[in-house]
Amino acid sequence: MRQAAREWRRSNEEAECLLARLDRSRWTEVRYEDLCADVEGTLRRLFGFVGVEAPASGARLRGFDHHVIGNGMRLDTTTEVRLDERWREALTPDDLAEFEREAGALNRRLGYR
């Protein structure tokens, strides 16, 4: 858990360093939970941000081949987006304590508890 938490913290710190160099108008934040809660609304917001027209609601994503090697989603038969909180049952109290020690401050700063 220590290594995973450290990698999570460092990747987020690196992203913050990169974003700090950009004008706020040049980037947008997408929270996983927001995407899962409102796929259509989040995608509309993203399409607007990049300045392209959003496809019609329910546009087919499976109508053509996707070749992102290593991404297991390419083999899925559904395009459903749903919140995955398996970590709540999979992580032990010791795992959570280790994560807290390594990345808890950043986790809270990002709005998580």
N, C-alpha and C. Protein backbone atom coordinates (compact mmCIF):
# COMPACT_ATOMS: atom_id res chain seq x y z
N MET A 1 0.83 -1.19 0.00
CA MET A 1 0.00 0.00 0.00
C MET A 1 0.88 1.26 0.00
N ARG A 2 1.98 1.22 0.72
CA ARG A 2 2.84 2.41 0.76
C ARG A 2 3.27 2.83 -0.64
N GLN A 3 3.70 1.87 -1.45
CA GLN A 3 4.15 2.20 -2.80
C GLN A 3 3.00 2.72 -3.66
N ALA A 4 1.84 2.09 -3.58
CA ALA A 4 0.69 2.53 -4.37
C ALA A 4 0.27 3.95 -3.97
N ALA A 5 0.23 4.20 -2.66
CA ALA A 5 -0.16 5.53 -2.18
C ALA A 5 0.86 6.58 -2.60
N ARG A 6 2.12 6.21 -2.54
CA ARG A 6 3.18 7.15 -2.95
C ARG A 6 3.07 7.46 -4.43
N GLU A 7 2.84 6.45 -5.25
CA GLU A 7 2.69 6.68 -6.70
C GLU A 7 1.47 7.55 -6.99
N TRP A 8 0.36 7.29 -6.28
CA TRP A 8 -0.84 8.11 -6.47
C TRP A 8 -0.55 9.56 -6.09
N ARG A 9 0.10 9.74 -4.94
CA ARG A 9 0.42 11.10 -4.48
C ARG A 9 1.34 11.80 -5.47
N ARG A 10 2.41 11.12 -5.88
CA ARG A 10 3.38 11.74 -6.78
C ARG A 10 2.76 12.07 -8.14
N SER A 11 1.93 11.21 -8.68
CA SER A 11 1.34 11.51 -9.99
C SER A 11 0.42 12.72 -9.89
N ASN A 12 -0.29 12.85 -8.77
CA ASN A 12 -1.14 14.03 -8.58
C ASN A 12 -0.32 15.28 -8.33
N GLU A 13 0.78 15.15 -7.61
CA GLU A 13 1.66 16.32 -7.39
C GLU A 13 2.29 16.76 -8.71
N GLU A 14 2.68 15.81 -9.53
CA GLU A 14 3.25 16.16 -10.83
C GLU A 14 2.22 16.86 -11.71
N ALA A 15 0.98 16.37 -11.68
CA ALA A 15 -0.08 17.03 -12.46
C ALA A 15 -0.29 18.45 -11.97
N GLU A 16 -0.28 18.64 -10.65
CA GLU A 16 -0.45 19.99 -10.10
C GLU A 16 0.67 20.92 -10.53
N CYS A 17 1.90 20.41 -10.58
CA CYS A 17 3.04 21.23 -11.02
C CYS A 17 2.88 21.66 -12.48
N LEU A 18 2.42 20.72 -13.30
CA LEU A 18 2.20 21.05 -14.71
C LEU A 18 1.08 22.08 -14.86
N LEU A 19 0.00 21.88 -14.13
CA LEU A 19 -1.14 22.79 -14.24
C LEU A 19 -0.79 24.19 -13.74
N ALA A 20 0.08 24.27 -12.76
CA ALA A 20 0.48 25.57 -12.21
C ALA A 20 1.16 26.44 -13.26
N ARG A 21 1.70 25.83 -14.30
CA ARG A 21 2.39 26.56 -15.35
C ARG A 21 1.45 27.02 -16.46
N LEU A 22 0.20 26.56 -16.39
CA LEU A 22 -0.78 26.90 -17.43
C LEU A 22 -1.78 27.91 -16.91
N ASP A 23 -2.24 28.76 -17.79
CA ASP A 23 -3.34 29.65 -17.45
C ASP A 23 -4.57 28.80 -17.15
N ARG A 24 -5.36 29.19 -16.16
CA ARG A 24 -6.51 28.42 -15.73
C ARG A 24 -7.51 28.16 -16.86
N SER A 25 -7.53 29.01 -17.86
CA SER A 25 -8.45 28.83 -18.99
C SER A 25 -8.03 27.68 -19.91
N ARG A 26 -6.82 27.16 -19.72
CA ARG A 26 -6.29 26.13 -20.62
C ARG A 26 -6.48 24.71 -20.12
N TRP A 27 -7.08 24.55 -18.95
CA TRP A 27 -7.30 23.20 -18.44
C TRP A 27 -8.61 23.14 -17.67
N THR A 28 -9.12 21.93 -17.51
CA THR A 28 -10.34 21.71 -16.75
C THR A 28 -10.18 20.46 -15.92
N GLU A 29 -10.92 20.38 -14.87
CA GLU A 29 -10.85 19.23 -13.97
C GLU A 29 -12.05 18.32 -14.22
N VAL A 30 -11.79 17.03 -14.26
CA VAL A 30 -12.86 16.04 -14.36
C VAL A 30 -12.67 15.08 -13.20
N ARG A 31 -13.65 15.07 -12.32
CA ARG A 31 -13.60 14.14 -11.20
C ARG A 31 -14.31 12.85 -11.60
N TYR A 32 -13.67 11.75 -11.29
CA TYR A 32 -14.20 10.43 -11.60
C TYR A 32 -15.63 10.28 -11.10
N GLU A 33 -15.87 10.69 -9.87
CA GLU A 33 -17.20 10.55 -9.28
C GLU A 33 -18.24 11.37 -10.03
N ASP A 34 -17.86 12.55 -10.49
CA ASP A 34 -18.78 13.40 -11.25
C ASP A 34 -19.10 12.76 -12.61
N LEU A 35 -18.09 12.20 -13.24
CA LEU A 35 -18.32 11.52 -14.52
C LEU A 35 -19.28 10.36 -14.33
N CYS A 36 -19.07 9.57 -13.29
CA CYS A 36 -19.94 8.41 -13.05
C CYS A 36 -21.37 8.85 -12.72
N ALA A 37 -21.51 9.95 -11.99
CA ALA A 37 -22.83 10.42 -11.58
C ALA A 37 -23.60 11.06 -12.72
N ASP A 38 -22.89 11.69 -13.66
CA ASP A 38 -23.56 12.41 -14.75
C ASP A 38 -22.69 12.33 -16.01
N VAL A 39 -22.73 11.20 -16.66
CA VAL A 39 -21.89 10.98 -17.84
C VAL A 39 -22.20 12.01 -18.92
N GLU A 40 -23.46 12.13 -19.28
CA GLU A 40 -23.84 13.04 -20.37
C GLU A 40 -23.45 14.48 -20.07
N GLY A 41 -23.77 14.94 -18.86
CA GLY A 41 -23.45 16.32 -18.49
C GLY A 41 -21.95 16.58 -18.47
N THR A 42 -21.20 15.64 -17.93
CA THR A 42 -19.75 15.80 -17.87
C THR A 42 -19.15 15.82 -19.27
N LEU A 43 -19.61 14.92 -20.13
CA LEU A 43 -19.09 14.90 -21.49
C LEU A 43 -19.47 16.17 -22.25
N ARG A 44 -20.70 16.66 -22.06
CA ARG A 44 -21.10 17.92 -22.70
C ARG A 44 -20.16 19.05 -22.28
N ARG A 45 -19.87 19.09 -20.98
CA ARG A 45 -18.97 20.13 -20.46
C ARG A 45 -17.58 20.00 -21.09
N LEU A 46 -17.09 18.77 -21.23
CA LEU A 46 -15.77 18.56 -21.83
C LEU A 46 -15.74 18.92 -23.31
N PHE A 47 -16.78 18.52 -24.04
CA PHE A 47 -16.84 18.89 -25.45
C PHE A 47 -16.86 20.41 -25.59
N GLY A 48 -17.62 21.08 -24.74
CA GLY A 48 -17.64 22.54 -24.76
C GLY A 48 -16.28 23.13 -24.46
N PHE A 49 -15.59 22.55 -23.51
CA PHE A 49 -14.27 23.06 -23.12
C PHE A 49 -13.29 22.99 -24.29
N VAL A 50 -13.31 21.88 -25.04
CA VAL A 50 -12.38 21.76 -26.16
C VAL A 50 -12.90 22.40 -27.43
N GLY A 51 -14.15 22.90 -27.39
CA GLY A 51 -14.68 23.65 -28.52
C GLY A 51 -15.20 22.81 -29.67
N VAL A 52 -15.70 21.63 -29.37
CA VAL A 52 -16.29 20.81 -30.42
C VAL A 52 -17.74 20.50 -30.05
N GLU A 53 -18.51 20.20 -31.07
CA GLU A 53 -19.91 19.88 -30.85
C GLU A 53 -20.03 18.48 -30.25
N ALA A 54 -20.86 18.36 -29.24
CA ALA A 54 -21.09 17.06 -28.61
C ALA A 54 -21.90 16.17 -29.54
N PRO A 55 -21.56 14.89 -29.60
CA PRO A 55 -22.38 13.98 -30.42
C PRO A 55 -23.76 13.83 -29.81
N ALA A 56 -24.67 13.33 -30.59
CA ALA A 56 -26.03 13.10 -30.09
C ALA A 56 -25.99 12.18 -28.88
N SER A 57 -26.88 12.39 -27.96
CA SER A 57 -26.95 11.56 -26.77
C SER A 57 -27.07 10.09 -27.16
N GLY A 58 -26.32 9.25 -26.47
CA GLY A 58 -26.38 7.82 -26.76
C GLY A 58 -25.60 7.40 -27.99
N ALA A 59 -24.70 8.24 -28.45
CA ALA A 59 -23.91 7.90 -29.64
C ALA A 59 -23.19 6.58 -29.40
N ARG A 60 -23.08 5.79 -30.44
CA ARG A 60 -22.48 4.46 -30.32
C ARG A 60 -20.96 4.55 -30.23
N LEU A 61 -20.43 3.96 -29.17
CA LEU A 61 -18.98 3.89 -29.03
C LEU A 61 -18.43 2.58 -29.55
N ARG A 62 -19.28 1.61 -29.72
CA ARG A 62 -18.85 0.28 -30.14
C ARG A 62 -19.00 0.08 -31.64
N GLY A 63 -19.27 1.12 -32.39
CA GLY A 63 -19.49 0.98 -33.82
C GLY A 63 -18.22 0.82 -34.64
N PHE A 64 -17.06 0.93 -34.01
CA PHE A 64 -15.80 0.79 -34.72
C PHE A 64 -14.75 0.24 -33.76
N ASP A 65 -13.65 -0.23 -34.32
CA ASP A 65 -12.61 -0.83 -33.50
C ASP A 65 -11.88 0.22 -32.68
N HIS A 66 -11.55 -0.18 -31.45
CA HIS A 66 -10.71 0.64 -30.57
C HIS A 66 -9.48 -0.20 -30.27
N HIS A 67 -8.33 0.33 -30.48
CA HIS A 67 -7.11 -0.44 -30.23
C HIS A 67 -6.23 0.30 -29.24
N VAL A 68 -6.61 0.23 -27.99
CA VAL A 68 -5.79 0.75 -26.91
C VAL A 68 -5.27 -0.47 -26.18
N ILE A 69 -4.12 -0.95 -26.60
CA ILE A 69 -3.56 -2.17 -26.06
C ILE A 69 -3.33 -1.98 -24.56
N GLY A 70 -3.74 -2.97 -23.80
CA GLY A 70 -3.57 -2.91 -22.36
C GLY A 70 -4.79 -2.38 -21.63
N ASN A 71 -5.71 -1.76 -22.32
CA ASN A 71 -6.92 -1.25 -21.70
C ASN A 71 -7.99 -2.33 -21.83
N GLY A 72 -8.29 -2.98 -20.71
CA GLY A 72 -9.26 -4.06 -20.71
C GLY A 72 -10.65 -3.64 -21.15
N MET A 73 -10.94 -2.35 -21.09
CA MET A 73 -12.25 -1.84 -21.48
C MET A 73 -12.55 -2.14 -22.95
N ARG A 74 -11.52 -2.28 -23.74
CA ARG A 74 -11.74 -2.54 -25.17
C ARG A 74 -12.43 -3.87 -25.40
N LEU A 75 -12.39 -4.76 -24.40
CA LEU A 75 -13.01 -6.06 -24.53
C LEU A 75 -14.40 -6.12 -23.91
N ASP A 76 -14.81 -5.05 -23.23
CA ASP A 76 -16.12 -5.02 -22.59
C ASP A 76 -17.23 -5.05 -23.64
N THR A 77 -18.37 -5.58 -23.25
CA THR A 77 -19.52 -5.60 -24.16
C THR A 77 -20.49 -4.47 -23.85
N THR A 78 -20.21 -3.68 -22.83
CA THR A 78 -21.08 -2.58 -22.45
C THR A 78 -20.29 -1.28 -22.42
N THR A 79 -20.99 -0.19 -22.57
CA THR A 79 -20.35 1.13 -22.45
C THR A 79 -20.82 1.84 -21.19
N GLU A 80 -21.48 1.11 -20.33
CA GLU A 80 -21.98 1.69 -19.08
C GLU A 80 -20.82 2.24 -18.24
N VAL A 81 -21.00 3.43 -17.73
CA VAL A 81 -20.03 4.03 -16.81
C VAL A 81 -20.65 3.95 -15.42
N ARG A 82 -19.95 3.30 -14.51
CA ARG A 82 -20.49 3.18 -13.16
C ARG A 82 -19.36 3.32 -12.15
N LEU A 83 -19.70 3.88 -11.03
CA LEU A 83 -18.76 4.10 -9.94
C LEU A 83 -18.26 2.77 -9.39
N ASP A 84 -16.96 2.63 -9.28
CA ASP A 84 -16.36 1.41 -8.75
C ASP A 84 -15.75 1.74 -7.39
N GLU A 85 -16.37 1.27 -6.36
CA GLU A 85 -15.87 1.52 -5.01
C GLU A 85 -15.50 0.22 -4.30
N ARG A 86 -14.99 -0.72 -5.07
CA ARG A 86 -14.57 -1.99 -4.48
C ARG A 86 -13.49 -1.79 -3.41
N TRP A 87 -12.74 -0.71 -3.52
CA TRP A 87 -11.68 -0.45 -2.55
C TRP A 87 -12.22 -0.37 -1.13
N ARG A 88 -13.48 0.04 -0.98
CA ARG A 88 -14.06 0.18 0.37
C ARG A 88 -14.12 -1.16 1.10
N GLU A 89 -14.26 -2.24 0.35
CA GLU A 89 -14.29 -3.56 0.97
C GLU A 89 -12.95 -4.28 0.85
N ALA A 90 -12.18 -3.96 -0.17
CA ALA A 90 -10.93 -4.68 -0.42
C ALA A 90 -9.79 -4.23 0.49
N LEU A 91 -9.78 -2.94 0.86
CA LEU A 91 -8.68 -2.43 1.67
C LEU A 91 -8.94 -2.67 3.15
N THR A 92 -7.91 -3.07 3.83
CA THR A 92 -8.00 -3.33 5.26
C THR A 92 -7.80 -2.02 6.03
N PRO A 93 -8.14 -2.00 7.31
CA PRO A 93 -7.84 -0.82 8.13
C PRO A 93 -6.35 -0.46 8.10
N ASP A 94 -5.48 -1.46 8.08
CA ASP A 94 -4.04 -1.18 7.99
C ASP A 94 -3.69 -0.53 6.65
N ASP A 95 -4.31 -1.01 5.57
CA ASP A 95 -4.08 -0.40 4.25
C ASP A 95 -4.50 1.07 4.27
N LEU A 96 -5.67 1.33 4.82
CA LEU A 96 -6.18 2.71 4.86
C LEU A 96 -5.30 3.60 5.72
N ALA A 97 -4.79 3.07 6.82
CA ALA A 97 -3.89 3.84 7.68
C ALA A 97 -2.59 4.16 6.95
N GLU A 98 -2.08 3.20 6.20
CA GLU A 98 -0.85 3.41 5.42
C GLU A 98 -1.08 4.47 4.35
N PHE A 99 -2.21 4.39 3.68
CA PHE A 99 -2.54 5.40 2.68
C PHE A 99 -2.63 6.78 3.33
N GLU A 100 -3.26 6.85 4.47
CA GLU A 100 -3.39 8.13 5.19
C GLU A 100 -2.02 8.72 5.50
N ARG A 101 -1.11 7.89 5.98
CA ARG A 101 0.23 8.39 6.31
C ARG A 101 0.95 8.91 5.07
N GLU A 102 0.80 8.22 3.98
CA GLU A 102 1.55 8.56 2.78
C GLU A 102 0.89 9.65 1.94
N ALA A 103 -0.44 9.67 1.87
CA ALA A 103 -1.11 10.57 0.93
C ALA A 103 -2.36 11.23 1.49
N GLY A 104 -2.60 11.09 2.77
CA GLY A 104 -3.83 11.61 3.36
C GLY A 104 -4.02 13.11 3.19
N ALA A 105 -2.95 13.87 3.38
CA ALA A 105 -3.07 15.33 3.27
C ALA A 105 -3.50 15.74 1.87
N LEU A 106 -2.91 15.14 0.86
CA LEU A 106 -3.30 15.45 -0.52
C LEU A 106 -4.71 14.97 -0.79
N ASN A 107 -5.04 13.81 -0.30
CA ASN A 107 -6.38 13.26 -0.48
C ASN A 107 -7.43 14.24 0.03
N ARG A 108 -7.22 14.79 1.21
CA ARG A 108 -8.17 15.76 1.78
C ARG A 108 -8.16 17.06 0.99
N ARG A 109 -6.98 17.51 0.56
CA ARG A 109 -6.91 18.76 -0.22
C ARG A 109 -7.67 18.63 -1.52
N LEU A 110 -7.74 17.42 -2.06
CA LEU A 110 -8.49 17.19 -3.30
C LEU A 110 -9.99 16.98 -3.04
N GLY A 111 -10.38 17.05 -1.78
CA GLY A 111 -11.80 16.99 -1.46
C GLY A 111 -12.29 15.64 -0.99
N TYR A 112 -11.36 14.73 -0.74
CA TYR A 112 -11.75 13.41 -0.23
C TYR A 112 -11.46 13.37 1.28
N ARG A 113 -12.13 12.44 1.95
CA ARG A 113 -11.87 12.35 3.38
C ARG A 113 -11.12 11.13 3.75
